Amino acid sequence: DVLKVRKDFPMLNGKTMQGKPLIYLDNGATTLKPKVVIE
């Protein structure tokens, strides 16, 4: 469930510097980190 998975990533539940939700499409450079890895 993609929508459920997205809740695992803190950076997808915040805002960008422009005050907009982050749309992260540079995963070839690096990926976002889920809470289990951070923890």
PDB file of all heavy atoms in Angstrom:
ATOM      1  N   ASP A   1       0.859  -1.184   0.000  1.00  0.00           N
ATOM      2  CA  ASP A   1       0.000   0.000   0.000  1.00  0.00           C
ATOM      3  C   ASP A   1       0.898   1.239   0.000  1.00  0.00           C
ATOM      4  O   ASP A   1       1.518   1.560   1.008  1.00  0.00           O
ATOM      5  CB  ASP A   1      -0.901  -0.024   1.233  1.00  0.00           C
ATOM      6  CG  ASP A   1      -1.897   1.122   1.265  1.00  0.00           C
ATOM      7  OD1 ASP A   1      -1.649   2.160   0.620  1.00  0.00           O
ATOM      8  OD2 ASP A   1      -2.925   0.993   1.948  1.00  0.00           O
ATOM      9  N   VAL A   2       0.954   1.940  -1.142  1.00  0.00           N
ATOM     10  CA  VAL A   2       1.880   3.058  -1.294  1.00  0.00           C
ATOM     11  C   VAL A   2       1.566   4.182  -0.300  1.00  0.00           C
ATOM     12  O   VAL A   2       2.474   4.759   0.305  1.00  0.00           O
ATOM     13  CB  VAL A   2       1.860   3.598  -2.738  1.00  0.00           C
ATOM     14  CG1 VAL A   2       2.779   4.806  -2.865  1.00  0.00           C
ATOM     15  CG2 VAL A   2       2.269   2.510  -3.713  1.00  0.00           C
ATOM     16  N   LEU A   3       0.304   4.497  -0.132  1.00  0.00           N
ATOM     17  CA  LEU A   3      -0.063   5.581   0.778  1.00  0.00           C
ATOM     18  C   LEU A   3       0.315   5.239   2.214  1.00  0.00           C
ATOM     19  O   LEU A   3       0.748   6.112   2.987  1.00  0.00           O
ATOM     20  CB  LEU A   3      -1.558   5.866   0.666  1.00  0.00           C
ATOM     21  CG  LEU A   3      -2.019   6.395  -0.697  1.00  0.00           C
ATOM     22  CD1 LEU A   3      -3.515   6.692  -0.669  1.00  0.00           C
ATOM     23  CD2 LEU A   3      -1.242   7.642  -1.095  1.00  0.00           C
ATOM     24  N   LYS A   4       0.183   3.983   2.569  1.00  0.00           N
ATOM     25  CA  LYS A   4       0.590   3.551   3.904  1.00  0.00           C
ATOM     26  C   LYS A   4       2.100   3.620   4.048  1.00  0.00           C
ATOM     27  O   LYS A   4       2.618   4.070   5.082  1.00  0.00           O
ATOM     28  CB  LYS A   4       0.090   2.129   4.165  1.00  0.00           C
ATOM     29  CG  LYS A   4       0.413   1.609   5.554  1.00  0.00           C
ATOM     30  CD  LYS A   4      -0.143   0.206   5.753  1.00  0.00           C
ATOM     31  CE  LYS A   4       0.215  -0.324   7.150  1.00  0.00           C
ATOM     32  NZ  LYS A   4      -0.314  -1.710   7.350  1.00  0.00           N
ATOM     33  N   VAL A   5       2.823   3.198   3.003  1.00  0.00           N
ATOM     34  CA  VAL A   5       4.285   3.230   3.023  1.00  0.00           C
ATOM     35  C   VAL A   5       4.798   4.655   3.193  1.00  0.00           C
ATOM     36  O   VAL A   5       5.770   4.899   3.920  1.00  0.00           O
ATOM     37  CB  VAL A   5       4.850   2.597   1.734  1.00  0.00           C
ATOM     38  CG1 VAL A   5       6.320   2.958   1.541  1.00  0.00           C
ATOM     39  CG2 VAL A   5       4.685   1.081   1.763  1.00  0.00           C
ATOM     40  N   ARG A   6       4.162   5.609   2.544  1.00  0.00           N
ATOM     41  CA  ARG A   6       4.618   6.996   2.607  1.00  0.00           C
ATOM     42  C   ARG A   6       4.619   7.549   4.031  1.00  0.00           C
ATOM     43  O   ARG A   6       5.408   8.433   4.363  1.00  0.00           O
ATOM     44  CB  ARG A   6       3.748   7.876   1.700  1.00  0.00           C
ATOM     45  CG  ARG A   6       4.022   7.654   0.228  1.00  0.00           C
ATOM     46  CD  ARG A   6       3.024   8.442  -0.634  1.00  0.00           C
ATOM     47  NE  ARG A   6       3.154   9.878  -0.466  1.00  0.00           N
ATOM     48  CZ  ARG A   6       4.011  10.652  -1.133  1.00  0.00           C
ATOM     49  NH1 ARG A   6       4.842  10.105  -2.003  1.00  0.00           N
ATOM     50  NH2 ARG A   6       4.040  11.957  -0.934  1.00  0.00           N
ATOM     51  N   LYS A   7       3.769   7.000   4.877  1.00  0.00           N
ATOM     52  CA  LYS A   7       3.725   7.448   6.270  1.00  0.00           C
ATOM     53  C   LYS A   7       4.979   7.049   7.037  1.00  0.00           C
ATOM     54  O   LYS A   7       5.242   7.584   8.118  1.00  0.00           O
ATOM     55  CB  LYS A   7       2.488   6.880   6.950  1.00  0.00           C
ATOM     56  CG  LYS A   7       1.176   7.412   6.366  1.00  0.00           C
ATOM     57  CD  LYS A   7      -0.026   6.794   7.050  1.00  0.00           C
ATOM     58  CE  LYS A   7      -1.327   7.302   6.436  1.00  0.00           C
ATOM     59  NZ  LYS A   7      -2.522   6.680   7.059  1.00  0.00           N
ATOM     60  N   ASP A   8       5.738   6.101   6.472  1.00  0.00           N
ATOM     61  CA  ASP A   8       6.972   5.665   7.126  1.00  0.00           C
ATOM     62  C   ASP A   8       8.116   6.658   6.952  1.00  0.00           C
ATOM     63  O   ASP A   8       9.163   6.508   7.597  1.00  0.00           O
ATOM     64  CB  ASP A   8       7.428   4.316   6.552  1.00  0.00           C
ATOM     65  CG  ASP A   8       6.469   3.186   6.876  1.00  0.00           C
ATOM     66  OD1 ASP A   8       5.725   3.300   7.872  1.00  0.00           O
ATOM     67  OD2 ASP A   8       6.459   2.175   6.133  1.00  0.00           O
ATOM     68  N   PHE A   9       7.945   7.646   6.074  1.00  0.00           N
ATOM     69  CA  PHE A   9       9.039   8.549   5.712  1.00  0.00           C
ATOM     70  C   PHE A   9       8.752   9.963   6.215  1.00  0.00           C
ATOM     71  O   PHE A   9       7.902  10.675   5.671  1.00  0.00           O
ATOM     72  CB  PHE A   9       9.220   8.556   4.193  1.00  0.00           C
ATOM     73  CG  PHE A   9       9.740   7.250   3.663  1.00  0.00           C
ATOM     74  CD1 PHE A   9       8.879   6.193   3.407  1.00  0.00           C
ATOM     75  CD2 PHE A   9      11.099   7.070   3.445  1.00  0.00           C
ATOM     76  CE1 PHE A   9       9.350   4.977   2.936  1.00  0.00           C
ATOM     77  CE2 PHE A   9      11.591   5.862   2.973  1.00  0.00           C
ATOM     78  CZ  PHE A   9      10.713   4.801   2.725  1.00  0.00           C
ATOM     79  N   PRO A  10       9.440  10.390   7.259  1.00  0.00           N
ATOM     80  CA  PRO A  10       9.181  11.713   7.838  1.00  0.00           C
ATOM     81  C   PRO A  10       9.272  12.853   6.832  1.00  0.00           C
ATOM     82  O   PRO A  10       8.497  13.815   6.903  1.00  0.00           O
ATOM     83  CB  PRO A  10      10.264  11.842   8.912  1.00  0.00           C
ATOM     84  CG  PRO A  10      10.569  10.427   9.302  1.00  0.00           C
ATOM     85  CD  PRO A  10      10.446   9.637   8.041  1.00  0.00           C
ATOM     86  N   MET A  11      10.199  12.771   5.882  1.00  0.00           N
ATOM     87  CA  MET A  11      10.376  13.868   4.939  1.00  0.00           C
ATOM     88  C   MET A  11       9.208  14.011   3.968  1.00  0.00           C
ATOM     89  O   MET A  11       9.041  15.065   3.346  1.00  0.00           O
ATOM     90  CB  MET A  11      11.680  13.701   4.161  1.00  0.00           C
ATOM     91  CG  MET A  11      12.911  14.021   4.986  1.00  0.00           C
ATOM     92  SD  MET A  11      14.442  13.980   4.024  1.00  0.00           S
ATOM     93  CE  MET A  11      14.159  15.268   2.811  1.00  0.00           C
ATOM     94  N   LEU A  12       8.395  12.979   3.825  1.00  0.00           N
ATOM     95  CA  LEU A  12       7.228  13.070   2.956  1.00  0.00           C
ATOM     96  C   LEU A  12       6.012  13.609   3.692  1.00  0.00           C
ATOM     97  O   LEU A  12       4.952  13.788   3.084  1.00  0.00           O
ATOM     98  CB  LEU A  12       6.895  11.695   2.361  1.00  0.00           C
ATOM     99  CG  LEU A  12       7.938  11.131   1.398  1.00  0.00           C
ATOM    100  CD1 LEU A  12       7.537   9.736   0.946  1.00  0.00           C
ATOM    101  CD2 LEU A  12       8.120  12.051   0.199  1.00  0.00           C
ATOM    102  N   ASN A  13       6.171  13.870   4.962  1.00  0.00           N
ATOM    103  CA  ASN A  13       5.046  14.359   5.756  1.00  0.00           C
ATOM    104  C   ASN A  13       5.304  15.755   6.307  1.00  0.00           C
ATOM    105  O   ASN A  13       4.661  16.196   7.247  1.00  0.00           O
ATOM    106  CB  ASN A  13       4.775  13.378   6.903  1.00  0.00           C
ATOM    107  CG  ASN A  13       4.367  12.010   6.385  1.00  0.00           C
ATOM    108  OD1 ASN A  13       3.277  11.844   5.880  1.00  0.00           O
ATOM    109  ND2 ASN A  13       5.248  11.033   6.507  1.00  0.00           N
ATOM    110  N   GLY A  14       6.270  16.449   5.668  1.00  0.00           N
ATOM    111  CA  GLY A  14       6.579  17.820   6.058  1.00  0.00           C
ATOM    112  C   GLY A  14       6.374  18.766   4.894  1.00  0.00           C
ATOM    113  O   GLY A  14       5.603  18.499   3.974  1.00  0.00           O
ATOM    114  N   LYS A  15       7.077  19.863   4.898  1.00  0.00           N
ATOM    115  CA  LYS A  15       6.968  20.875   3.853  1.00  0.00           C
ATOM    116  C   LYS A  15       8.352  21.198   3.311  1.00  0.00           C
ATOM    117  O   LYS A  15       9.362  21.013   3.986  1.00  0.00           O
ATOM    118  CB  LYS A  15       6.340  22.165   4.411  1.00  0.00           C
ATOM    119  CG  LYS A  15       4.933  21.995   4.971  1.00  0.00           C
ATOM    120  CD  LYS A  15       3.907  21.754   3.882  1.00  0.00           C
ATOM    121  CE  LYS A  15       2.494  21.687   4.483  1.00  0.00           C
ATOM    122  NZ  LYS A  15       1.475  21.461   3.448  1.00  0.00           N
ATOM    123  N   THR A  16       8.405  21.677   2.070  1.00  0.00           N
ATOM    124  CA  THR A  16       9.658  22.136   1.496  1.00  0.00           C
ATOM    125  C   THR A  16       9.914  23.570   1.927  1.00  0.00           C
ATOM    126  O   THR A  16       9.096  24.188   2.626  1.00  0.00           O
ATOM    127  CB  THR A  16       9.613  22.082  -0.039  1.00  0.00           C
ATOM    128  OG1 THR A  16       8.666  23.059  -0.504  1.00  0.00           O
ATOM    129  CG2 THR A  16       9.204  20.707  -0.536  1.00  0.00           C
ATOM    130  N   MET A  17      11.030  24.121   1.469  1.00  0.00           N
ATOM    131  CA  MET A  17      11.346  25.514   1.789  1.00  0.00           C
ATOM    132  C   MET A  17      10.336  26.465   1.166  1.00  0.00           C
ATOM    133  O   MET A  17      10.161  27.585   1.628  1.00  0.00           O
ATOM    134  CB  MET A  17      12.757  25.852   1.311  1.00  0.00           C
ATOM    135  CG  MET A  17      13.856  25.142   2.098  1.00  0.00           C
ATOM    136  SD  MET A  17      15.514  25.542   1.515  1.00  0.00           S
ATOM    137  CE  MET A  17      15.582  27.289   1.883  1.00  0.00           C
ATOM    138  N   GLN A  18       9.662  25.999   0.109  1.00  0.00           N
ATOM    139  CA  GLN A  18       8.660  26.842  -0.536  1.00  0.00           C
ATOM    140  C   GLN A  18       7.290  26.701   0.134  1.00  0.00           C
ATOM    141  O   GLN A  18       6.307  27.271  -0.330  1.00  0.00           O
ATOM    142  CB  GLN A  18       8.535  26.479  -2.025  1.00  0.00           C
ATOM    143  CG  GLN A  18       9.757  26.848  -2.858  1.00  0.00           C
ATOM    144  CD  GLN A  18      10.904  25.882  -2.639  1.00  0.00           C
ATOM    145  OE1 GLN A  18      10.690  24.741  -2.257  1.00  0.00           O
ATOM    146  NE2 GLN A  18      12.122  26.345  -2.870  1.00  0.00           N
ATOM    147  N   GLY A  19       7.230  25.921   1.197  1.00  0.00           N
ATOM    148  CA  GLY A  19       5.969  25.737   1.894  1.00  0.00           C
ATOM    149  C   GLY A  19       5.061  24.740   1.221  1.00  0.00           C
ATOM    150  O   GLY A  19       3.866  24.669   1.546  1.00  0.00           O
ATOM    151  N   LYS A  20       5.577  23.984   0.299  1.00  0.00           N
ATOM    152  CA  LYS A  20       4.785  22.994  -0.429  1.00  0.00           C
ATOM    153  C   LYS A  20       5.221  21.596  -0.010  1.00  0.00           C
ATOM    154  O   LYS A  20       6.347  21.388   0.416  1.00  0.00           O
ATOM    155  CB  LYS A  20       4.970  23.166  -1.945  1.00  0.00           C
ATOM    156  CG  LYS A  20       4.581  24.535  -2.478  1.00  0.00           C
ATOM    157  CD  LYS A  20       4.860  24.607  -3.980  1.00  0.00           C
ATOM    158  CE  LYS A  20       4.426  25.942  -4.564  1.00  0.00           C
ATOM    159  NZ  LYS A  20       5.209  27.060  -4.011  1.00  0.00           N
ATOM    160  N   PRO A  21       4.328  20.598  -0.160  1.00  0.00           N
ATOM    161  CA  PRO A  21       4.752  19.216   0.113  1.00  0.00           C
ATOM    162  C   PRO A  21       5.892  18.821  -0.808  1.00  0.00           C
ATOM    163  O   PRO A  21       5.928  19.194  -1.979  1.00  0.00           O
ATOM    164  CB  PRO A  21       3.483  18.407  -0.192  1.00  0.00           C
ATOM    165  CG  PRO A  21       2.354  19.381  -0.077  1.00  0.00           C
ATOM    166  CD  PRO A  21       2.902  20.708  -0.525  1.00  0.00           C
ATOM    167  N   LEU A  22       6.837  18.077  -0.280  1.00  0.00           N
ATOM    168  CA  LEU A  22       7.985  17.643  -1.064  1.00  0.00           C
ATOM    169  C   LEU A  22       7.578  16.561  -2.053  1.00  0.00           C
ATOM    170  O   LEU A  22       6.949  15.568  -1.685  1.00  0.00           O
ATOM    171  CB  LEU A  22       9.073  17.096  -0.136  1.00  0.00           C
ATOM    172  CG  LEU A  22      10.274  16.430  -0.812  1.00  0.00           C
ATOM    173  CD1 LEU A  22      11.069  17.448  -1.629  1.00  0.00           C
ATOM    174  CD2 LEU A  22      11.157  15.744   0.225  1.00  0.00           C
ATOM    175  N   ILE A  23       7.959  16.770  -3.319  1.00  0.00           N
ATOM    176  CA  ILE A  23       7.850  15.727  -4.338  1.00  0.00           C
ATOM    177  C   ILE A  23       9.277  15.359  -4.695  1.00  0.00           C
ATOM    178  O   ILE A  23       9.967  16.091  -5.401  1.00  0.00           O
ATOM    179  CB  ILE A  23       7.070  16.214  -5.572  1.00  0.00           C
ATOM    180  CG1 ILE A  23       5.636  16.582  -5.169  1.00  0.00           C
ATOM    181  CG2 ILE A  23       7.064  15.145  -6.666  1.00  0.00           C
ATOM    182  CD1 ILE A  23       4.789  17.132  -6.309  1.00  0.00           C
ATOM    183  N   TYR A  24       9.722  14.234  -4.196  1.00  0.00           N
ATOM    184  CA  TYR A  24      11.126  13.865  -4.310  1.00  0.00           C
ATOM    185  C   TYR A  24      11.316  12.878  -5.451  1.00  0.00           C
ATOM    186  O   TYR A  24      10.904  11.711  -5.373  1.00  0.00           O
ATOM    187  CB  TYR A  24      11.637  13.267  -2.998  1.00  0.00           C
ATOM    188  CG  TYR A  24      13.126  13.032  -3.012  1.00  0.00           C
ATOM    189  CD1 TYR A  24      14.021  14.092  -2.849  1.00  0.00           C
ATOM    190  CD2 TYR A  24      13.638  11.761  -3.215  1.00  0.00           C
ATOM    191  CE1 TYR A  24      15.389  13.885  -2.884  1.00  0.00           C
ATOM    192  CE2 TYR A  24      15.012  11.543  -3.241  1.00  0.00           C
ATOM    193  CZ  TYR A  24      15.879  12.612  -3.082  1.00  0.00           C
ATOM    194  OH  TYR A  24      17.236  12.402  -3.125  1.00  0.00           O
ATOM    195  N   LEU A  25      11.958  13.351  -6.531  1.00  0.00           N
ATOM    196  CA  LEU A  25      12.149  12.542  -7.737  1.00  0.00           C
ATOM    197  C   LEU A  25      13.630  12.480  -8.121  1.00  0.00           C
ATOM    198  O   LEU A  25      13.978  12.450  -9.297  1.00  0.00           O
ATOM    199  CB  LEU A  25      11.322  13.109  -8.894  1.00  0.00           C
ATOM    200  CG  LEU A  25       9.800  13.128  -8.674  1.00  0.00           C
ATOM    201  CD1 LEU A  25       9.094  13.813  -9.844  1.00  0.00           C
ATOM    202  CD2 LEU A  25       9.259  11.722  -8.474  1.00  0.00           C
ATOM    203  N   ASP A  26      14.489  12.466  -7.107  1.00  0.00           N
ATOM    204  CA  ASP A  26      15.932  12.343  -7.343  1.00  0.00           C
ATOM    205  C   ASP A  26      16.479  11.125  -6.603  1.00  0.00           C
ATOM    206  O   ASP A  26      17.533  11.170  -5.969  1.00  0.00           O
ATOM    207  CB  ASP A  26      16.652  13.614  -6.898  1.00  0.00           C
ATOM    208  CG  ASP A  26      18.101  13.663  -7.386  1.00  0.00           C
ATOM    209  OD1 ASP A  26      18.434  12.950  -8.357  1.00  0.00           O
ATOM    210  OD2 ASP A  26      18.902  14.395  -6.783  1.00  0.00           O
ATOM    211  N   ASN A  27      15.763  10.024  -6.696  1.00  0.00           N
ATOM    212  CA  ASN A  27      16.129   8.819  -5.958  1.00  0.00           C
ATOM    213  C   ASN A  27      17.364   8.129  -6.519  1.00  0.00           C
ATOM    214  O   ASN A  27      17.980   7.303  -5.825  1.00  0.00           O
ATOM    215  CB  ASN A  27      14.944   7.854  -5.948  1.00  0.00           C
ATOM    216  CG  ASN A  27      13.765   8.418  -5.179  1.00  0.00           C
ATOM    217  OD1 ASN A  27      13.771   8.457  -3.960  1.00  0.00           O
ATOM    218  ND2 ASN A  27      12.755   8.887  -5.904  1.00  0.00           N
ATOM    219  N   GLY A  28      17.742   8.460  -7.749  1.00  0.00           N
ATOM    220  CA  GLY A  28      18.976   7.923  -8.299  1.00  0.00           C
ATOM    221  C   GLY A  28      20.199   8.495  -7.602  1.00  0.00           C
ATOM    222  O   GLY A  28      21.273   7.883  -7.593  1.00  0.00           O
ATOM    223  N   ALA A  29      20.046   9.681  -6.998  1.00  0.00           N
ATOM    224  CA  ALA A  29      21.141  10.321  -6.264  1.00  0.00           C
ATOM    225  C   ALA A  29      21.208   9.798  -4.834  1.00  0.00           C
ATOM    226  O   ALA A  29      22.263   9.406  -4.342  1.00  0.00           O
ATOM    227  CB  ALA A  29      20.973  11.833  -6.267  1.00  0.00           C
ATOM    228  N   THR A  30      20.075   9.822  -4.154  1.00  0.00           N
ATOM    229  CA  THR A  30      19.955   9.232  -2.825  1.00  0.00           C
ATOM    230  C   THR A  30      18.479   9.070  -2.542  1.00  0.00           C
ATOM    231  O   THR A  30      17.631   9.686  -3.194  1.00  0.00           O
ATOM    232  CB  THR A  30      20.633  10.098  -1.752  1.00  0.00           C
ATOM    233  OG1 THR A  30      20.827   9.329  -0.556  1.00  0.00           O
ATOM    234  CG2 THR A  30      19.818  11.336  -1.414  1.00  0.00           C
ATOM    235  N   THR A  31      18.160   8.237  -1.565  1.00  0.00           N
ATOM    236  CA  THR A  31      16.764   7.978  -1.237  1.00  0.00           C
ATOM    237  C   THR A  31      16.431   8.514   0.153  1.00  0.00           C
ATOM    238  O   THR A  31      17.315   8.774   0.968  1.00  0.00           O
ATOM    239  CB  THR A  31      16.468   6.472  -1.272  1.00  0.00           C
ATOM    240  OG1 THR A  31      17.413   5.781  -0.433  1.00  0.00           O
ATOM    241  CG2 THR A  31      16.580   5.938  -2.696  1.00  0.00           C
ATOM    242  N   LEU A  32      15.153   8.657   0.407  1.00  0.00           N
ATOM    243  CA  LEU A  32      14.698   9.087   1.717  1.00  0.00           C
ATOM    244  C   LEU A  32      14.798   7.917   2.705  1.00  0.00           C
ATOM    245  O   LEU A  32      14.926   6.761   2.301  1.00  0.00           O
ATOM    246  CB  LEU A  32      13.267   9.606   1.624  1.00  0.00           C
ATOM    247  CG  LEU A  32      13.039  10.696   0.568  1.00  0.00           C
ATOM    248  CD1 LEU A  32      11.585  11.173   0.592  1.00  0.00           C
ATOM    249  CD2 LEU A  32      13.991  11.869   0.776  1.00  0.00           C
ATOM    250  N   LYS A  33      14.746   8.240   3.987  1.00  0.00           N
ATOM    251  CA  LYS A  33      14.974   7.219   5.015  1.00  0.00           C
ATOM    252  C   LYS A  33      13.695   6.970   5.815  1.00  0.00           C
ATOM    253  O   LYS A  33      13.092   7.919   6.345  1.00  0.00           O
ATOM    254  CB  LYS A  33      16.082   7.649   5.990  1.00  0.00           C
ATOM    255  CG  LYS A  33      17.269   8.352   5.331  1.00  0.00           C
ATOM    256  CD  LYS A  33      17.931   7.573   4.212  1.00  0.00           C
ATOM    257  CE  LYS A  33      19.025   8.410   3.550  1.00  0.00           C
ATOM    258  NZ  LYS A  33      19.511   7.821   2.292  1.00  0.00           N
ATOM    259  N   PRO A  34      13.286   5.710   5.944  1.00  0.00           N
ATOM    260  CA  PRO A  34      12.104   5.401   6.760  1.00  0.00           C
ATOM    261  C   PRO A  34      12.426   5.467   8.246  1.00  0.00           C
ATOM    262  O   PRO A  34      13.592   5.389   8.660  1.00  0.00           O
ATOM    263  CB  PRO A  34      11.756   3.964   6.333  1.00  0.00           C
ATOM    264  CG  PRO A  34      13.061   3.368   5.916  1.00  0.00           C
ATOM    265  CD  PRO A  34      13.851   4.512   5.312  1.00  0.00           C
ATOM    266  N   LYS A  35      11.382   5.555   9.031  1.00  0.00           N
ATOM    267  CA  LYS A  35      11.559   5.697  10.476  1.00  0.00           C
ATOM    268  C   LYS A  35      12.319   4.525  11.095  1.00  0.00           C
ATOM    269  O   LYS A  35      13.098   4.712  12.030  1.00  0.00           O
ATOM    270  CB  LYS A  35      10.189   5.857  11.146  1.00  0.00           C
ATOM    271  CG  LYS A  35       9.555   7.219  10.914  1.00  0.00           C
ATOM    272  CD  LYS A  35       8.233   7.355  11.623  1.00  0.00           C
ATOM    273  CE  LYS A  35       7.132   6.608  10.899  1.00  0.00           C
ATOM    274  NZ  LYS A  35       5.788   6.881  11.476  1.00  0.00           N
ATOM    275  N   VAL A  36      12.125   3.322  10.561  1.00  0.00           N
ATOM    276  CA  VAL A  36      12.807   2.166  11.167  1.00  0.00           C
ATOM    277  C   VAL A  36      14.317   2.274  11.026  1.00  0.00           C
ATOM    278  O   VAL A  36      15.065   1.827  11.914  1.00  0.00           O
ATOM    279  CB  VAL A  36      12.311   0.844  10.544  1.00  0.00           C
ATOM    280  CG1 VAL A  36      10.874   0.567  10.927  1.00  0.00           C
ATOM    281  CG2 VAL A  36      12.490   0.823   9.041  1.00  0.00           C
ATOM    282  N   VAL A  37      14.789   2.854   9.931  1.00  0.00           N
ATOM    283  CA  VAL A  37      16.231   3.045   9.749  1.00  0.00           C
ATOM    284  C   VAL A  37      16.737   4.137  10.677  1.00  0.00           C
ATOM    285  O   VAL A  37      17.772   3.979  11.349  1.00  0.00           O
ATOM    286  CB  VAL A  37      16.549   3.392   8.281  1.00  0.00           C
ATOM    287  CG1 VAL A  37      18.010   3.802   8.113  1.00  0.00           C
ATOM    288  CG2 VAL A  37      16.242   2.193   7.382  1.00  0.00           C
ATOM    289  N   ILE A  38      16.013   5.231  10.739  1.00  0.00           N
ATOM    290  CA  ILE A  38      16.391   6.333  11.628  1.00  0.00           C
ATOM    291  C   ILE A  38      16.447   5.854  13.075  1.00  0.00           C
ATOM    292  O   ILE A  38      17.394   6.145  13.821  1.00  0.00           O
ATOM    293  CB  ILE A  38      15.399   7.496  11.475  1.00  0.00           C
ATOM    294  CG1 ILE A  38      15.431   8.047  10.037  1.00  0.00           C
ATOM    295  CG2 ILE A  38      15.685   8.603  12.483  1.00  0.00           C
ATOM    296  CD1 ILE A  38      14.310   9.014   9.719  1.00  0.00           C
ATOM    297  N   GLU A  39      15.458   5.081  13.467  1.00  0.00           N
ATOM    298  CA  GLU A  39      15.380   4.594  14.843  1.00  0.00           C
ATOM    299  C   GLU A  39      16.504   3.609  15.156  1.00  0.00           C
ATOM    300  O   GLU A  39      17.046   3.603  16.269  1.00  0.00           O
ATOM    301  CB  GLU A  39      14.014   3.946  15.088  1.00  0.00           C
ATOM    302  CG  GLU A  39      12.880   4.962  15.132  1.00  0.00           C
ATOM    303  CD  GLU A  39      11.505   4.318  15.059  1.00  0.00           C
ATOM    304  OE1 GLU A  39      11.451   3.057  14.945  1.00  0.00           O
ATOM    305  OE2 GLU A  39      10.491   5.043  15.107  1.00  0.00           O
TER     306      GLU A  39
END
